[in-house]
N, C-alpha and C. Protein backbone atom coordinates (compact mmCIF):
# COMPACT_ATOMS: atom_id res chain seq x y z
N MET A 1 0.79 -1.20 0.00
CA MET A 1 0.00 0.00 0.00
C MET A 1 0.83 1.27 0.00
N ALA A 2 2.05 1.11 0.37
CA ALA A 2 2.92 2.29 0.42
C ALA A 2 3.08 2.87 -0.97
N VAL A 3 3.05 2.03 -1.94
CA VAL A 3 3.21 2.50 -3.32
C VAL A 3 2.02 3.38 -3.70
N VAL A 4 0.85 3.02 -3.31
CA VAL A 4 -0.34 3.79 -3.65
C VAL A 4 -0.30 5.15 -2.95
N ALA A 5 0.12 5.16 -1.70
CA ALA A 5 0.20 6.42 -0.96
C ALA A 5 1.23 7.35 -1.59
N GLU A 6 2.35 6.79 -2.04
CA GLU A 6 3.37 7.61 -2.71
C GLU A 6 2.84 8.17 -4.02
N ARG A 7 2.15 7.36 -4.76
CA ARG A 7 1.61 7.81 -6.05
C ARG A 7 0.56 8.89 -5.84
N VAL A 8 -0.26 8.74 -4.79
CA VAL A 8 -1.27 9.74 -4.50
C VAL A 8 -0.60 11.05 -4.11
N SER A 9 0.45 10.99 -3.31
CA SER A 9 1.13 12.23 -2.92
C SER A 9 1.79 12.89 -4.12
N VAL A 10 2.33 12.11 -5.05
CA VAL A 10 2.93 12.68 -6.27
C VAL A 10 1.85 13.36 -7.10
N LEU A 11 0.70 12.72 -7.22
CA LEU A 11 -0.41 13.31 -7.98
C LEU A 11 -0.92 14.58 -7.31
N GLU A 12 -0.98 14.57 -5.97
CA GLU A 12 -1.39 15.79 -5.26
C GLU A 12 -0.42 16.93 -5.53
N THR A 13 0.87 16.63 -5.55
CA THR A 13 1.89 17.65 -5.84
C THR A 13 1.70 18.18 -7.26
N LYS A 14 1.46 17.29 -8.20
CA LYS A 14 1.25 17.73 -9.59
C LYS A 14 0.01 18.60 -9.72
N VAL A 15 -1.06 18.25 -9.04
CA VAL A 15 -2.29 19.03 -9.08
C VAL A 15 -2.03 20.42 -8.48
N GLN A 16 -1.25 20.48 -7.40
CA GLN A 16 -0.92 21.77 -6.80
C GLN A 16 -0.12 22.64 -7.80
N HIS A 17 0.82 22.01 -8.50
CA HIS A 17 1.61 22.75 -9.50
C HIS A 17 0.71 23.23 -10.64
N ILE A 18 -0.24 22.41 -11.01
CA ILE A 18 -1.18 22.81 -12.07
C ILE A 18 -2.01 23.99 -11.60
N ASP A 19 -2.47 23.94 -10.35
CA ASP A 19 -3.24 25.06 -9.80
C ASP A 19 -2.40 26.34 -9.79
N GLU A 20 -1.14 26.24 -9.43
CA GLU A 20 -0.26 27.42 -9.42
C GLU A 20 -0.09 27.97 -10.84
N LYS A 21 0.10 27.08 -11.79
CA LYS A 21 0.28 27.51 -13.18
C LYS A 21 -0.99 28.16 -13.72
N ILE A 22 -2.14 27.63 -13.35
CA ILE A 22 -3.41 28.23 -13.77
C ILE A 22 -3.55 29.61 -13.17
N ASP A 23 -3.16 29.77 -11.90
CA ASP A 23 -3.20 31.08 -11.26
C ASP A 23 -2.27 32.06 -11.99
N ASP A 24 -1.07 31.58 -12.36
CA ASP A 24 -0.14 32.43 -13.11
C ASP A 24 -0.74 32.84 -14.45
N LEU A 25 -1.40 31.89 -15.12
CA LEU A 25 -2.03 32.20 -16.41
C LEU A 25 -3.15 33.22 -16.24
N LYS A 26 -3.92 33.08 -15.16
CA LYS A 26 -4.98 34.06 -14.91
C LYS A 26 -4.40 35.45 -14.72
N ILE A 27 -3.28 35.53 -14.00
CA ILE A 27 -2.62 36.83 -13.79
C ILE A 27 -2.12 37.38 -15.12
N ASP A 28 -1.49 36.51 -15.95
CA ASP A 28 -0.99 36.95 -17.25
C ASP A 28 -2.12 37.42 -18.15
N VAL A 29 -3.24 36.69 -18.14
CA VAL A 29 -4.38 37.09 -18.96
C VAL A 29 -4.94 38.42 -18.48
N LYS A 30 -5.00 38.61 -17.16
CA LYS A 30 -5.49 39.87 -16.61
C LYS A 30 -4.56 41.02 -17.01
N ASP A 31 -3.23 40.79 -16.94
CA ASP A 31 -2.28 41.83 -17.35
C ASP A 31 -2.44 42.17 -18.83
N MET A 32 -2.61 41.14 -19.66
CA MET A 32 -2.78 41.38 -21.09
C MET A 32 -4.08 42.13 -21.35
N HIS A 33 -5.12 41.79 -20.65
CA HIS A 33 -6.41 42.45 -20.81
C HIS A 33 -6.29 43.92 -20.43
N ASP A 34 -5.58 44.19 -19.31
CA ASP A 34 -5.36 45.58 -18.90
C ASP A 34 -4.55 46.34 -19.94
N CYS A 35 -3.54 45.69 -20.50
CA CYS A 35 -2.71 46.33 -21.55
C CYS A 35 -3.56 46.64 -22.78
N LEU A 36 -4.41 45.71 -23.17
CA LEU A 36 -5.28 45.95 -24.32
C LEU A 36 -6.26 47.08 -24.04
N ASP A 37 -6.77 47.16 -22.82
CA ASP A 37 -7.67 48.26 -22.46
C ASP A 37 -6.95 49.60 -22.55
N ARG A 38 -5.72 49.66 -22.03
CA ARG A 38 -4.96 50.91 -22.10
C ARG A 38 -4.66 51.29 -23.55
N THR A 39 -4.31 50.30 -24.37
CA THR A 39 -4.02 50.56 -25.78
C THR A 39 -5.27 51.06 -26.49
N ARG A 40 -6.42 50.44 -26.22
CA ARG A 40 -7.67 50.89 -26.81
C ARG A 40 -7.98 52.33 -26.42
N ASP A 41 -7.81 52.64 -25.15
CA ASP A 41 -8.08 54.00 -24.69
C ASP A 41 -7.11 55.00 -25.33
N LEU A 42 -5.85 54.62 -25.45
CA LEU A 42 -4.86 55.49 -26.09
C LEU A 42 -5.21 55.74 -27.56
N LEU A 43 -5.55 54.67 -28.28
CA LEU A 43 -5.92 54.81 -29.69
C LEU A 43 -7.20 55.61 -29.86
N ASP A 44 -8.14 55.40 -28.97
CA ASP A 44 -9.39 56.16 -29.02
C ASP A 44 -9.11 57.65 -28.82
N GLY A 45 -8.23 57.98 -27.89
CA GLY A 45 -7.86 59.37 -27.66
C GLY A 45 -7.15 59.98 -28.86
N LYS A 46 -6.23 59.22 -29.44
CA LYS A 46 -5.51 59.73 -30.63
C LYS A 46 -6.45 59.93 -31.80
N MET A 47 -7.37 59.00 -32.01
CA MET A 47 -8.33 59.15 -33.10
C MET A 47 -9.22 60.37 -32.90
N GLU A 48 -9.63 60.58 -31.67
CA GLU A 48 -10.46 61.75 -31.37
C GLU A 48 -9.67 63.04 -31.61
N GLU A 49 -8.39 63.02 -31.22
CA GLU A 49 -7.53 64.19 -31.45
C GLU A 49 -7.36 64.46 -32.94
N MET A 50 -7.14 63.40 -33.71
CA MET A 50 -6.98 63.56 -35.17
C MET A 50 -8.27 64.06 -35.81
N LEU A 51 -9.40 63.55 -35.35
CA LEU A 51 -10.69 63.98 -35.89
C LEU A 51 -10.94 65.45 -35.58
N THR A 52 -10.60 65.86 -34.38
CA THR A 52 -10.76 67.27 -34.01
C THR A 52 -9.85 68.15 -34.86
N GLU A 53 -8.61 67.71 -35.06
CA GLU A 53 -7.68 68.48 -35.90
C GLU A 53 -8.19 68.57 -37.33
N TYR A 54 -8.72 67.46 -37.86
CA TYR A 54 -9.25 67.47 -39.22
C TYR A 54 -10.42 68.44 -39.33
N ARG A 55 -11.33 68.37 -38.36
CA ARG A 55 -12.50 69.25 -38.40
C ARG A 55 -12.09 70.71 -38.31
N THR A 56 -11.04 70.99 -37.56
CA THR A 56 -10.57 72.36 -37.40
C THR A 56 -9.90 72.87 -38.67
N ASN A 57 -9.14 72.01 -39.34
CA ASN A 57 -8.29 72.46 -40.45
C ASN A 57 -8.76 72.03 -41.83
N ARG A 58 -9.93 71.41 -41.94
CA ARG A 58 -10.33 70.84 -43.23
C ARG A 58 -10.49 71.90 -44.31
N ASP A 59 -10.98 73.09 -43.95
CA ASP A 59 -11.13 74.14 -44.97
C ASP A 59 -9.78 74.55 -45.54
N ARG A 60 -8.77 74.64 -44.68
CA ARG A 60 -7.42 74.97 -45.18
C ARG A 60 -6.88 73.85 -46.05
N PHE A 61 -7.15 72.60 -45.67
CA PHE A 61 -6.70 71.48 -46.49
C PHE A 61 -7.32 71.55 -47.88
N TYR A 62 -8.63 71.82 -47.93
CA TYR A 62 -9.33 71.89 -49.21
C TYR A 62 -8.82 73.08 -50.04
N GLU A 63 -8.59 74.22 -49.39
CA GLU A 63 -8.07 75.38 -50.12
C GLU A 63 -6.70 75.07 -50.70
N HIS A 64 -5.86 74.40 -49.91
CA HIS A 64 -4.52 74.06 -50.40
C HIS A 64 -4.62 73.07 -51.58
N ALA A 65 -5.48 72.09 -51.46
CA ALA A 65 -5.66 71.12 -52.55
C ALA A 65 -6.19 71.82 -53.80
N ASN A 66 -7.12 72.75 -53.63
CA ASN A 66 -7.66 73.47 -54.79
C ASN A 66 -6.59 74.35 -55.43
N SER A 67 -5.74 74.97 -54.62
CA SER A 67 -4.67 75.80 -55.20
C SER A 67 -3.67 74.93 -55.96
N LEU A 68 -3.36 73.75 -55.42
CA LEU A 68 -2.47 72.83 -56.15
C LEU A 68 -3.11 72.38 -57.46
N HIS A 69 -4.40 72.12 -57.42
CA HIS A 69 -5.11 71.70 -58.63
C HIS A 69 -5.08 72.82 -59.68
N GLU A 70 -5.26 74.06 -59.25
CA GLU A 70 -5.24 75.20 -60.18
C GLU A 70 -3.83 75.37 -60.79
N GLU A 71 -2.80 75.20 -59.97
CA GLU A 71 -1.43 75.27 -60.50
C GLU A 71 -1.19 74.17 -61.52
N ASP A 72 -1.67 72.97 -61.23
CA ASP A 72 -1.53 71.86 -62.18
C ASP A 72 -2.25 72.17 -63.49
N ARG A 73 -3.45 72.73 -63.38
CA ARG A 73 -4.22 73.05 -64.59
C ARG A 73 -3.48 74.07 -65.44
N LYS A 74 -2.92 75.10 -64.81
CA LYS A 74 -2.17 76.12 -65.56
C LYS A 74 -0.93 75.52 -66.21
N THR A 75 -0.22 74.69 -65.48
CA THR A 75 0.97 74.04 -66.03
C THR A 75 0.62 73.16 -67.21
N HIS A 76 -0.45 72.40 -67.10
CA HIS A 76 -0.87 71.52 -68.20
C HIS A 76 -1.28 72.35 -69.42
N ALA A 77 -1.98 73.44 -69.20
CA ALA A 77 -2.39 74.29 -70.32
C ALA A 77 -1.16 74.88 -71.01
N ALA A 78 -0.17 75.34 -70.25
CA ALA A 78 1.05 75.91 -70.84
C ALA A 78 1.81 74.84 -71.62
N LEU A 79 1.92 73.65 -71.06
CA LEU A 79 2.61 72.57 -71.77
C LEU A 79 1.86 72.16 -73.04
N ALA A 80 0.54 72.13 -72.97
CA ALA A 80 -0.25 71.78 -74.16
C ALA A 80 -0.04 72.82 -75.26
N ALA A 81 0.03 74.10 -74.90
CA ALA A 81 0.26 75.15 -75.91
C ALA A 81 1.64 75.00 -76.53
N LYS A 82 2.65 74.72 -75.71
CA LYS A 82 4.01 74.53 -76.24
C LYS A 82 4.08 73.31 -77.16
N ILE A 83 3.44 72.24 -76.76
CA ILE A 83 3.45 71.02 -77.59
C ILE A 83 2.75 71.29 -78.91
N GLU A 84 1.64 72.00 -78.89
CA GLU A 84 0.92 72.33 -80.12
C GLU A 84 1.79 73.18 -81.04
N GLU A 85 2.49 74.15 -80.47
CA GLU A 85 3.37 75.01 -81.27
C GLU A 85 4.50 74.20 -81.91
N ILE A 86 5.09 73.30 -81.14
CA ILE A 86 6.18 72.47 -81.67
C ILE A 86 5.66 71.54 -82.76
N GLU A 87 4.48 70.95 -82.57
CA GLU A 87 3.92 70.07 -83.60
C GLU A 87 3.60 70.85 -84.87
N HIS A 88 3.09 72.06 -84.74
CA HIS A 88 2.80 72.89 -85.91
C HIS A 88 4.10 73.20 -86.67
N PHE A 89 5.14 73.57 -85.95
CA PHE A 89 6.44 73.86 -86.58
C PHE A 89 6.98 72.61 -87.28
N LYS A 90 6.90 71.46 -86.62
CA LYS A 90 7.41 70.21 -87.20
C LYS A 90 6.62 69.85 -88.45
N ASN A 91 5.30 69.93 -88.39
CA ASN A 91 4.48 69.57 -89.55
C ASN A 91 4.75 70.48 -90.74
N ARG A 92 4.89 71.79 -90.49
CA ARG A 92 5.12 72.73 -91.57
C ARG A 92 6.43 72.39 -92.29
N TRP A 93 7.50 72.17 -91.53
CA TRP A 93 8.79 71.88 -92.17
C TRP A 93 8.84 70.48 -92.76
N MET A 94 8.12 69.55 -92.17
CA MET A 94 8.10 68.19 -92.71
C MET A 94 7.40 68.20 -94.08
N TYR A 95 6.24 68.86 -94.17
CA TYR A 95 5.53 68.89 -95.44
C TYR A 95 6.29 69.70 -96.49
N LEU A 96 6.94 70.76 -96.07
CA LEU A 96 7.75 71.54 -97.00
C LEU A 96 8.90 70.70 -97.55
N GLY A 97 9.56 69.97 -96.66
CA GLY A 97 10.66 69.10 -97.08
C GLY A 97 10.18 67.99 -97.99
N LEU A 98 9.06 67.35 -97.62
CA LEU A 98 8.53 66.27 -98.46
C LEU A 98 8.10 66.80 -99.83
N GLY A 99 7.52 68.01 -99.85
CA GLY A 99 7.15 68.61 -101.14
C GLY A 99 8.37 68.91 -101.99
N ALA A 100 9.43 69.41 -101.37
CA ALA A 100 10.67 69.70 -102.11
C ALA A 100 11.28 68.42 -102.66
N ILE A 101 11.27 67.36 -101.86
CA ILE A 101 11.81 66.08 -102.33
C ILE A 101 10.97 65.56 -103.49
N ALA A 102 9.65 65.66 -103.39
CA ALA A 102 8.78 65.20 -104.47
C ALA A 102 9.01 66.03 -105.72
N ALA A 103 9.15 67.34 -105.59
CA ALA A 103 9.39 68.20 -106.76
C ALA A 103 10.72 67.87 -107.41
N LEU A 104 11.75 67.66 -106.60
CA LEU A 104 13.06 67.30 -107.16
C LEU A 104 13.01 65.94 -107.85
N GLY A 105 12.30 65.01 -107.24
CA GLY A 105 12.17 63.69 -107.86
C GLY A 105 11.41 63.77 -109.18
N TRP A 106 10.36 64.57 -109.20
CA TRP A 106 9.59 64.73 -110.44
C TRP A 106 10.44 65.42 -111.51
N ALA A 107 11.16 66.47 -111.13
CA ALA A 107 11.98 67.22 -112.09
C ALA A 107 13.11 66.35 -112.65
N ALA A 108 13.60 65.42 -111.85
CA ALA A 108 14.69 64.57 -112.31
C ALA A 108 14.21 63.55 -113.34
N HIS A 109 12.95 63.20 -113.30
CA HIS A 109 12.44 62.17 -114.20
C HIS A 109 11.59 62.71 -115.35
N VAL A 110 11.44 64.00 -115.47
CA VAL A 110 10.58 64.59 -116.48
C VAL A 110 11.44 65.08 -117.66
N ASP A 111 10.87 64.91 -118.84
CA ASP A 111 11.52 65.43 -120.05
C ASP A 111 11.07 66.88 -120.22
N LEU A 112 11.93 67.82 -119.89
CA LEU A 112 11.57 69.24 -119.93
C LEU A 112 11.23 69.70 -121.34
N ALA A 113 11.84 69.12 -122.34
CA ALA A 113 11.57 69.51 -123.72
C ALA A 113 10.11 69.21 -124.08
N ALA A 114 9.60 68.09 -123.62
CA ALA A 114 8.21 67.72 -123.90
C ALA A 114 7.26 68.68 -123.21
N ILE A 115 7.61 69.12 -122.02
CA ILE A 115 6.76 70.06 -121.29
C ILE A 115 6.76 71.41 -122.00
N VAL A 116 7.92 71.86 -122.45
CA VAL A 116 8.00 73.15 -123.15
C VAL A 116 7.19 73.07 -124.44
N GLN A 117 7.29 71.98 -125.13
CA GLN A 117 6.55 71.81 -126.37
C GLN A 117 5.04 71.75 -126.09
N MET A 118 4.63 71.13 -124.98
CA MET A 118 3.24 71.01 -124.65
C MET A 118 2.62 72.38 -124.38
N PHE A 119 3.33 73.27 -123.74
CA PHE A 119 2.81 74.60 -123.47
C PHE A 119 3.04 75.56 -124.64
N GLY A 120 3.72 75.13 -125.61
CA GLY A 120 3.89 75.92 -126.82
C GLY A 120 4.94 76.99 -126.69
N PHE A 121 5.92 76.83 -125.92
CA PHE A 121 6.98 77.83 -125.82
C PHE A 121 7.99 77.65 -126.88
């Protein structure tokens, strides 16, 4: 019977250790819960502060965004005018050059005597 008594005492010791560990876990869970509560309260305060700042300054934010938009519009209009001017210049000289090349090619292959005779000169 001594063996049974020893085994029971070992089991009692293990149960006591389990109870202690459960108590430690309860303390850890309580600490974590408190930490989460503090974090929630801190975040709630920061969000409220940010919301108050936004409500106070939103008109200035919108005015600044509108002024940036107006600057962008002016810049785009100026760039569009410059691009149009450059394309007009390029097209004019390209067509002039192509016309000159076509005229030279035609003149090189035409019998001028036949043309003079055709007009009666």
